[in-house]
Amino acid sequence: MTCWKWFGGLLKEAGVEITDKNKDSVDALIHQYIGEQSSYGHCSSDWKVVRKEIKSNQKMKTELIEKLKALS
């Protein structure tokens, strides 16, 4: 199972529909974003925790949505 499935609401808000063509790119972008944030001490590297942190932190949510939109 790929971890981005937990980010369904964010993907919808970003207007990103997962397809066979883009799922690897979406997965890589979310992994990269989570890795960057956890290395800066902004959030955990635990995906269950991160999802809740991003959902409650408008700045992080907006950043990730903008990055996802750029994939389209």
PDB file of N, CA and C in Angstrom:
ATOM      1  N   MET A   1       0.839  -1.188   0.000  1.00  0.00           N
ATOM      2  CA  MET A   1       0.000   0.000   0.000  1.00  0.00           C
ATOM      3  C   MET A   1       0.877   1.242   0.000  1.00  0.00           C
ATOM      4  N   THR A   2       0.563   2.176  -0.843  1.00  0.00           N
ATOM      5  CA  THR A   2       1.316   3.425  -0.865  1.00  0.00           C
ATOM      6  C   THR A   2       0.748   4.394   0.160  1.00  0.00           C
ATOM      7  N   CYS A   3       1.611   5.142   0.764  1.00  0.00           N
ATOM      8  CA  CYS A   3       1.236   6.007   1.889  1.00  0.00           C
ATOM      9  C   CYS A   3       0.375   7.192   1.477  1.00  0.00           C
ATOM     10  N   TRP A   4       0.454   7.630   0.244  1.00  0.00           N
ATOM     11  CA  TRP A   4      -0.302   8.812  -0.155  1.00  0.00           C
ATOM     12  C   TRP A   4      -1.798   8.595  -0.096  1.00  0.00           C
ATOM     13  N   LYS A   5      -2.248   7.340  -0.037  1.00  0.00           N
ATOM     14  CA  LYS A   5      -3.689   7.077   0.055  1.00  0.00           C
ATOM     15  C   LYS A   5      -4.274   7.738   1.298  1.00  0.00           C
ATOM     16  N   TRP A   6      -3.468   7.929   2.323  1.00  0.00           N
ATOM     17  CA  TRP A   6      -3.910   8.596   3.547  1.00  0.00           C
ATOM     18  C   TRP A   6      -4.166  10.076   3.299  1.00  0.00           C
ATOM     19  N   PHE A   7      -3.665  10.613   2.211  1.00  0.00           N
ATOM     20  CA  PHE A   7      -3.770  12.035   1.913  1.00  0.00           C
ATOM     21  C   PHE A   7      -4.865  12.316   0.888  1.00  0.00           C
ATOM     22  N   GLY A   8      -5.882  11.479   0.846  1.00  0.00           N
ATOM     23  CA  GLY A   8      -6.955  11.619  -0.143  1.00  0.00           C
ATOM     24  C   GLY A   8      -7.591  12.991  -0.177  1.00  0.00           C
ATOM     25  N   GLY A   9      -7.888  13.564   0.992  1.00  0.00           N
ATOM     26  CA  GLY A   9      -8.506  14.889   1.049  1.00  0.00           C
ATOM     27  C   GLY A   9      -7.601  15.968   0.488  1.00  0.00           C
ATOM     28  N   LEU A  10      -6.308  15.863   0.800  1.00  0.00           N
ATOM     29  CA  LEU A  10      -5.340  16.830   0.279  1.00  0.00           C
ATOM     30  C   LEU A  10      -5.217  16.712  -1.236  1.00  0.00           C
ATOM     31  N   LEU A  11      -5.181  15.497  -1.724  1.00  0.00           N
ATOM     32  CA  LEU A  11      -5.092  15.284  -3.169  1.00  0.00           C
ATOM     33  C   LEU A  11      -6.318  15.865  -3.858  1.00  0.00           C
ATOM     34  N   LYS A  12      -7.486  15.658  -3.258  1.00  0.00           N
ATOM     35  CA  LYS A  12      -8.714  16.201  -3.831  1.00  0.00           C
ATOM     36  C   LYS A  12      -8.671  17.722  -3.841  1.00  0.00           C
ATOM     37  N   GLU A  13      -8.222  18.298  -2.735  1.00  0.00           N
ATOM     38  CA  GLU A  13      -8.132  19.761  -2.643  1.00  0.00           C
ATOM     39  C   GLU A  13      -7.138  20.325  -3.651  1.00  0.00           C
ATOM     40  N   ALA A  14      -6.095  19.565  -3.940  1.00  0.00           N
ATOM     41  CA  ALA A  14      -5.092  19.990  -4.915  1.00  0.00           C
ATOM     42  C   ALA A  14      -5.556  19.743  -6.346  1.00  0.00           C
ATOM     43  N   GLY A  15      -6.679  19.038  -6.499  1.00  0.00           N
ATOM     44  CA  GLY A  15      -7.179  18.732  -7.834  1.00  0.00           C
ATOM     45  C   GLY A  15      -6.382  17.647  -8.521  1.00  0.00           C
ATOM     46  N   VAL A  16      -5.768  16.779  -7.722  1.00  0.00           N
ATOM     47  CA  VAL A  16      -4.939  15.707  -8.270  1.00  0.00           C
ATOM     48  C   VAL A  16      -5.698  14.398  -8.208  1.00  0.00           C
ATOM     49  N   GLU A  17      -5.904  13.802  -9.359  1.00  0.00           N
ATOM     50  CA  GLU A  17      -6.514  12.481  -9.436  1.00  0.00           C
ATOM     51  C   GLU A  17      -5.387  11.481  -9.698  1.00  0.00           C
ATOM     52  N   ILE A  18      -5.324  10.456  -8.883  1.00  0.00           N
ATOM     53  CA  ILE A  18      -4.255   9.467  -9.015  1.00  0.00           C
ATOM     54  C   ILE A  18      -4.545   8.573 -10.214  1.00  0.00           C
ATOM     55  N   THR A  19      -3.551   8.462 -11.070  1.00  0.00           N
ATOM     56  CA  THR A  19      -3.623   7.583 -12.237  1.00  0.00           C
ATOM     57  C   THR A  19      -2.379   6.715 -12.257  1.00  0.00           C
ATOM     58  N   ASP A  20      -2.372   5.722 -13.122  1.00  0.00           N
ATOM     59  CA  ASP A  20      -1.166   4.897 -13.268  1.00  0.00           C
ATOM     60  C   ASP A  20       0.021   5.750 -13.705  1.00  0.00           C
ATOM     61  N   LYS A  21      -0.271   6.790 -14.469  1.00  0.00           N
ATOM     62  CA  LYS A  21       0.787   7.656 -15.002  1.00  0.00           C
ATOM     63  C   LYS A  21       1.427   8.536 -13.926  1.00  0.00           C
ATOM     64  N   ASN A  22       0.646   9.029 -12.947  1.00  0.00           N
ATOM     65  CA  ASN A  22       1.194   9.987 -11.987  1.00  0.00           C
ATOM     66  C   ASN A  22       1.414   9.445 -10.573  1.00  0.00           C
ATOM     67  N   LYS A  23       0.991   8.218 -10.293  1.00  0.00           N
ATOM     68  CA  LYS A  23       1.053   7.748  -8.911  1.00  0.00           C
ATOM     69  C   LYS A  23       2.475   7.687  -8.361  1.00  0.00           C
ATOM     70  N   ASP A  24       3.451   7.357  -9.189  1.00  0.00           N
ATOM     71  CA  ASP A  24       4.842   7.331  -8.720  1.00  0.00           C
ATOM     72  C   ASP A  24       5.341   8.746  -8.400  1.00  0.00           C
ATOM     73  N   SER A  25       4.961   9.708  -9.220  1.00  0.00           N
ATOM     74  CA  SER A  25       5.368  11.095  -8.983  1.00  0.00           C
ATOM     75  C   SER A  25       4.730  11.648  -7.712  1.00  0.00           C
ATOM     76  N   VAL A  26       3.455  11.359  -7.519  1.00  0.00           N
ATOM     77  CA  VAL A  26       2.753  11.816  -6.317  1.00  0.00           C
ATOM     78  C   VAL A  26       3.383  11.179  -5.082  1.00  0.00           C
ATOM     79  N   ASP A  27       3.629   9.896  -5.152  1.00  0.00           N
ATOM     80  CA  ASP A  27       4.249   9.175  -4.042  1.00  0.00           C
ATOM     81  C   ASP A  27       5.617   9.763  -3.706  1.00  0.00           C
ATOM     82  N   ALA A  28       6.418  10.013  -4.720  1.00  0.00           N
ATOM     83  CA  ALA A  28       7.763  10.568  -4.512  1.00  0.00           C
ATOM     84  C   ALA A  28       7.695  11.970  -3.908  1.00  0.00           C
ATOM     85  N   LEU A  29       6.767  12.798  -4.401  1.00  0.00           N
ATOM     86  CA  LEU A  29       6.641  14.164  -3.884  1.00  0.00           C
ATOM     87  C   LEU A  29       6.231  14.162  -2.415  1.00  0.00           C
ATOM     88  N   ILE A  30       5.262  13.340  -2.054  1.00  0.00           N
ATOM     89  CA  ILE A  30       4.830  13.287  -0.657  1.00  0.00           C
ATOM     90  C   ILE A  30       5.947  12.757   0.231  1.00  0.00           C
ATOM     91  N   HIS A  31       6.644  11.720  -0.207  1.00  0.00           N
ATOM     92  CA  HIS A  31       7.789  11.211   0.563  1.00  0.00           C
ATOM     93  C   HIS A  31       8.846  12.307   0.744  1.00  0.00           C
ATOM     94  N   GLN A  32       9.140  13.028  -0.316  1.00  0.00           N
ATOM     95  CA  GLN A  32      10.145  14.088  -0.245  1.00  0.00           C
ATOM     96  C   GLN A  32       9.704  15.180   0.725  1.00  0.00           C
ATOM     97  N   TYR A  33       8.450  15.606   0.634  1.00  0.00           N
ATOM     98  CA  TYR A  33       7.940  16.658   1.506  1.00  0.00           C
ATOM     99  C   TYR A  33       7.988  16.221   2.965  1.00  0.00           C
ATOM    100  N   ILE A  34       7.532  15.029   3.253  1.00  0.00           N
ATOM    101  CA  ILE A  34       7.541  14.515   4.629  1.00  0.00           C
ATOM    102  C   ILE A  34       8.973  14.414   5.134  1.00  0.00           C
ATOM    103  N   GLY A  35       9.885  13.924   4.286  1.00  0.00           N
ATOM    104  CA  GLY A  35      11.288  13.817   4.669  1.00  0.00           C
ATOM    105  C   GLY A  35      11.891  15.165   4.992  1.00  0.00           C
ATOM    106  N   GLU A  36      11.596  16.167   4.165  1.00  0.00           N
ATOM    107  CA  GLU A  36      12.114  17.520   4.406  1.00  0.00           C
ATOM    108  C   GLU A  36      11.575  18.076   5.717  1.00  0.00           C
ATOM    109  N   GLN A  37      10.286  17.945   5.928  1.00  0.00           N
ATOM    110  CA  GLN A  37       9.665  18.496   7.127  1.00  0.00           C
ATOM    111  C   GLN A  37      10.169  17.816   8.399  1.00  0.00           C
ATOM    112  N   SER A  38      10.331  16.496   8.339  1.00  0.00           N
ATOM    113  CA  SER A  38      10.801  15.802   9.541  1.00  0.00           C
ATOM    114  C   SER A  38      12.270  16.118   9.804  1.00  0.00           C
ATOM    115  N   SER A  39      13.053  16.345   8.759  1.00  0.00           N
ATOM    116  CA  SER A  39      14.462  16.694   8.980  1.00  0.00           C
ATOM    117  C   SER A  39      14.604  18.108   9.551  1.00  0.00           C
ATOM    118  N   TYR A  40      13.624  18.971   9.284  1.00  0.00           N
ATOM    119  CA  TYR A  40      13.631  20.322   9.850  1.00  0.00           C
ATOM    120  C   TYR A  40      13.042  20.329  11.255  1.00  0.00           C
ATOM    121  N   GLY A  41      12.531  19.193  11.708  1.00  0.00           N
ATOM    122  CA  GLY A  41      11.927  19.110  13.028  1.00  0.00           C
ATOM    123  C   GLY A  41      10.492  19.587  13.085  1.00  0.00           C
ATOM    124  N   HIS A  42       9.873  19.768  11.908  1.00  0.00           N
ATOM    125  CA  HIS A  42       8.497  20.263  11.860  1.00  0.00           C
ATOM    126  C   HIS A  42       7.470  19.170  12.105  1.00  0.00           C
ATOM    127  N   CYS A  43       7.807  17.948  11.755  1.00  0.00           N
ATOM    128  CA  CYS A  43       6.846  16.867  11.955  1.00  0.00           C
ATOM    129  C   CYS A  43       7.568  15.531  12.059  1.00  0.00           C
ATOM    130  N   SER A  44       6.803  14.556  12.448  1.00  0.00           N
ATOM    131  CA  SER A  44       7.309  13.200  12.631  1.00  0.00           C
ATOM    132  C   SER A  44       7.520  12.540  11.277  1.00  0.00           C
ATOM    133  N   SER A  45       8.333  11.510  11.238  1.00  0.00           N
ATOM    134  CA  SER A  45       8.465  10.735  10.009  1.00  0.00           C
ATOM    135  C   SER A  45       7.434   9.607   9.981  1.00  0.00           C
ATOM    136  N   ASP A  46       6.636   9.474  11.042  1.00  0.00           N
ATOM    137  CA  ASP A  46       5.559   8.492  11.123  1.00  0.00           C
ATOM    138  C   ASP A  46       4.370   9.021  10.317  1.00  0.00           C
ATOM    139  N   TRP A  47       3.995   8.321   9.248  1.00  0.00           N
ATOM    140  CA  TRP A  47       2.976   8.802   8.327  1.00  0.00           C
ATOM    141  C   TRP A  47       1.637   9.060   8.997  1.00  0.00           C
ATOM    142  N   LYS A  48       1.268   8.236   9.969  1.00  0.00           N
ATOM    143  CA  LYS A  48      -0.012   8.438  10.652  1.00  0.00           C
ATOM    144  C   LYS A  48      -0.006   9.762  11.410  1.00  0.00           C
ATOM    145  N   VAL A  49       1.121  10.072  12.018  1.00  0.00           N
ATOM    146  CA  VAL A  49       1.260  11.319  12.765  1.00  0.00           C
ATOM    147  C   VAL A  49       1.345  12.500  11.815  1.00  0.00           C
ATOM    148  N   VAL A  50       2.117  12.344  10.763  1.00  0.00           N
ATOM    149  CA  VAL A  50       2.324  13.428   9.789  1.00  0.00           C
ATOM    150  C   VAL A  50       1.014  13.866   9.160  1.00  0.00           C
ATOM    151  N   ARG A  51       0.207  12.932   8.784  1.00  0.00           N
ATOM    152  CA  ARG A  51      -1.072  13.271   8.154  1.00  0.00           C
ATOM    153  C   ARG A  51      -1.883  14.196   9.058  1.00  0.00           C
ATOM    154  N   LYS A  52      -1.940  13.879  10.340  1.00  0.00           N
ATOM    155  CA  LYS A  52      -2.680  14.711  11.289  1.00  0.00           C
ATOM    156  C   LYS A  52      -2.022  16.072  11.464  1.00  0.00           C
ATOM    157  N   GLU A  53      -0.694  16.097  11.477  1.00  0.00           N
ATOM    158  CA  GLU A  53       0.026  17.364  11.629  1.00  0.00           C
ATOM    159  C   GLU A  53      -0.217  18.274  10.437  1.00  0.00           C
ATOM    160  N   ILE A  54      -0.142  17.725   9.242  1.00  0.00           N
ATOM    161  CA  ILE A  54      -0.350  18.529   8.043  1.00  0.00           C
ATOM    162  C   ILE A  54      -1.801  19.018   7.984  1.00  0.00           C
ATOM    163  N   LYS A  55      -2.730  18.165   8.360  1.00  0.00           N
ATOM    164  CA  LYS A  55      -4.140  18.550   8.347  1.00  0.00           C
ATOM    165  C   LYS A  55      -4.400  19.713   9.300  1.00  0.00           C
ATOM    166  N   SER A  56      -3.705  19.750  10.432  1.00  0.00           N
ATOM    167  CA  SER A  56      -3.948  20.800  11.422  1.00  0.00           C
ATOM    168  C   SER A  56      -3.059  22.033  11.243  1.00  0.00           C
ATOM    169  N   ASN A  57      -2.050  21.963  10.374  1.00  0.00           N
ATOM    170  CA  ASN A  57      -1.135  23.073  10.161  1.00  0.00           C
ATOM    171  C   ASN A  57      -1.389  23.656   8.769  1.00  0.00           C
ATOM    172  N   GLN A  58      -2.084  24.779   8.705  1.00  0.00           N
ATOM    173  CA  GLN A  58      -2.494  25.359   7.420  1.00  0.00           C
ATOM    174  C   GLN A  58      -1.303  25.655   6.504  1.00  0.00           C
ATOM    175  N   LYS A  59      -0.197  26.124   7.072  1.00  0.00           N
ATOM    176  CA  LYS A  59       0.972  26.441   6.241  1.00  0.00           C
ATOM    177  C   LYS A  59       1.509  25.187   5.558  1.00  0.00           C
ATOM    178  N   MET A  60       1.670  24.115   6.322  1.00  0.00           N
ATOM    179  CA  MET A  60       2.170  22.864   5.748  1.00  0.00           C
ATOM    180  C   MET A  60       1.190  22.313   4.718  1.00  0.00           C
ATOM    181  N   LYS A  61      -0.098  22.385   5.045  1.00  0.00           N
ATOM    182  CA  LYS A  61      -1.135  21.889   4.136  1.00  0.00           C
ATOM    183  C   LYS A  61      -1.076  22.642   2.806  1.00  0.00           C
ATOM    184  N   THR A  62      -0.991  23.961   2.884  1.00  0.00           N
ATOM    185  CA  THR A  62      -0.933  24.793   1.681  1.00  0.00           C
ATOM    186  C   THR A  62       0.321  24.492   0.868  1.00  0.00           C
ATOM    187  N   GLU A  63       1.464  24.353   1.527  1.00  0.00           N
ATOM    188  CA  GLU A  63       2.714  24.042   0.822  1.00  0.00           C
ATOM    189  C   GLU A  63       2.599  22.734   0.057  1.00  0.00           C
ATOM    190  N   LEU A  64       2.077  21.704   0.723  1.00  0.00           N
ATOM    191  CA  LEU A  64       1.973  20.409   0.071  1.00  0.00           C
ATOM    192  C   LEU A  64       0.974  20.450  -1.076  1.00  0.00           C
ATOM    193  N   ILE A  65      -0.131  21.142  -0.898  1.00  0.00           N
ATOM    194  CA  ILE A  65      -1.122  21.263  -1.981  1.00  0.00           C
ATOM    195  C   ILE A  65      -0.514  21.959  -3.190  1.00  0.00           C
ATOM    196  N   GLU A  66       0.239  23.026  -2.965  1.00  0.00           N
ATOM    197  CA  GLU A  66       0.879  23.733  -4.092  1.00  0.00           C
ATOM    198  C   GLU A  66       1.869  22.823  -4.818  1.00  0.00           C
ATOM    199  N   LYS A  67       2.624  22.041  -4.068  1.00  0.00           N
ATOM    200  CA  LYS A  67       3.573  21.111  -4.694  1.00  0.00           C
ATOM    201  C   LYS A  67       2.841  20.050  -5.502  1.00  0.00           C
ATOM    202  N   LEU A  68       1.723  19.567  -4.981  1.00  0.00           N
ATOM    203  CA  LEU A  68       0.941  18.567  -5.703  1.00  0.00           C
ATOM    204  C   LEU A  68       0.329  19.159  -6.973  1.00  0.00           C
ATOM    205  N   LYS A  69      -0.162  20.383  -6.886  1.00  0.00           N
ATOM    206  CA  LYS A  69      -0.728  21.046  -8.062  1.00  0.00           C
ATOM    207  C   LYS A  69       0.309  21.189  -9.176  1.00  0.00           C
ATOM    208  N   ALA A  70       1.547  21.420  -8.783  1.00  0.00           N
ATOM    209  CA  ALA A  70       2.617  21.597  -9.778  1.00  0.00           C
ATOM    210  C   ALA A  70       2.889  20.323 -10.564  1.00  0.00           C
ATOM    211  N   LEU A  71       2.475  19.171 -10.047  1.00  0.00           N
ATOM    212  CA  LEU A  71       2.672  17.917 -10.771  1.00  0.00           C
ATOM    213  C   LEU A  71       1.757  17.793 -11.980  1.00  0.00           C
ATOM    214  N   SER A  72       0.623  18.497 -11.940  1.00  0.00           N
ATOM    215  CA  SER A  72      -0.357  18.359 -13.025  1.00  0.00           C
ATOM    216  C   SER A  72       0.076  19.043 -14.276  1.00  0.00           C
TER     217      SER A  72
END
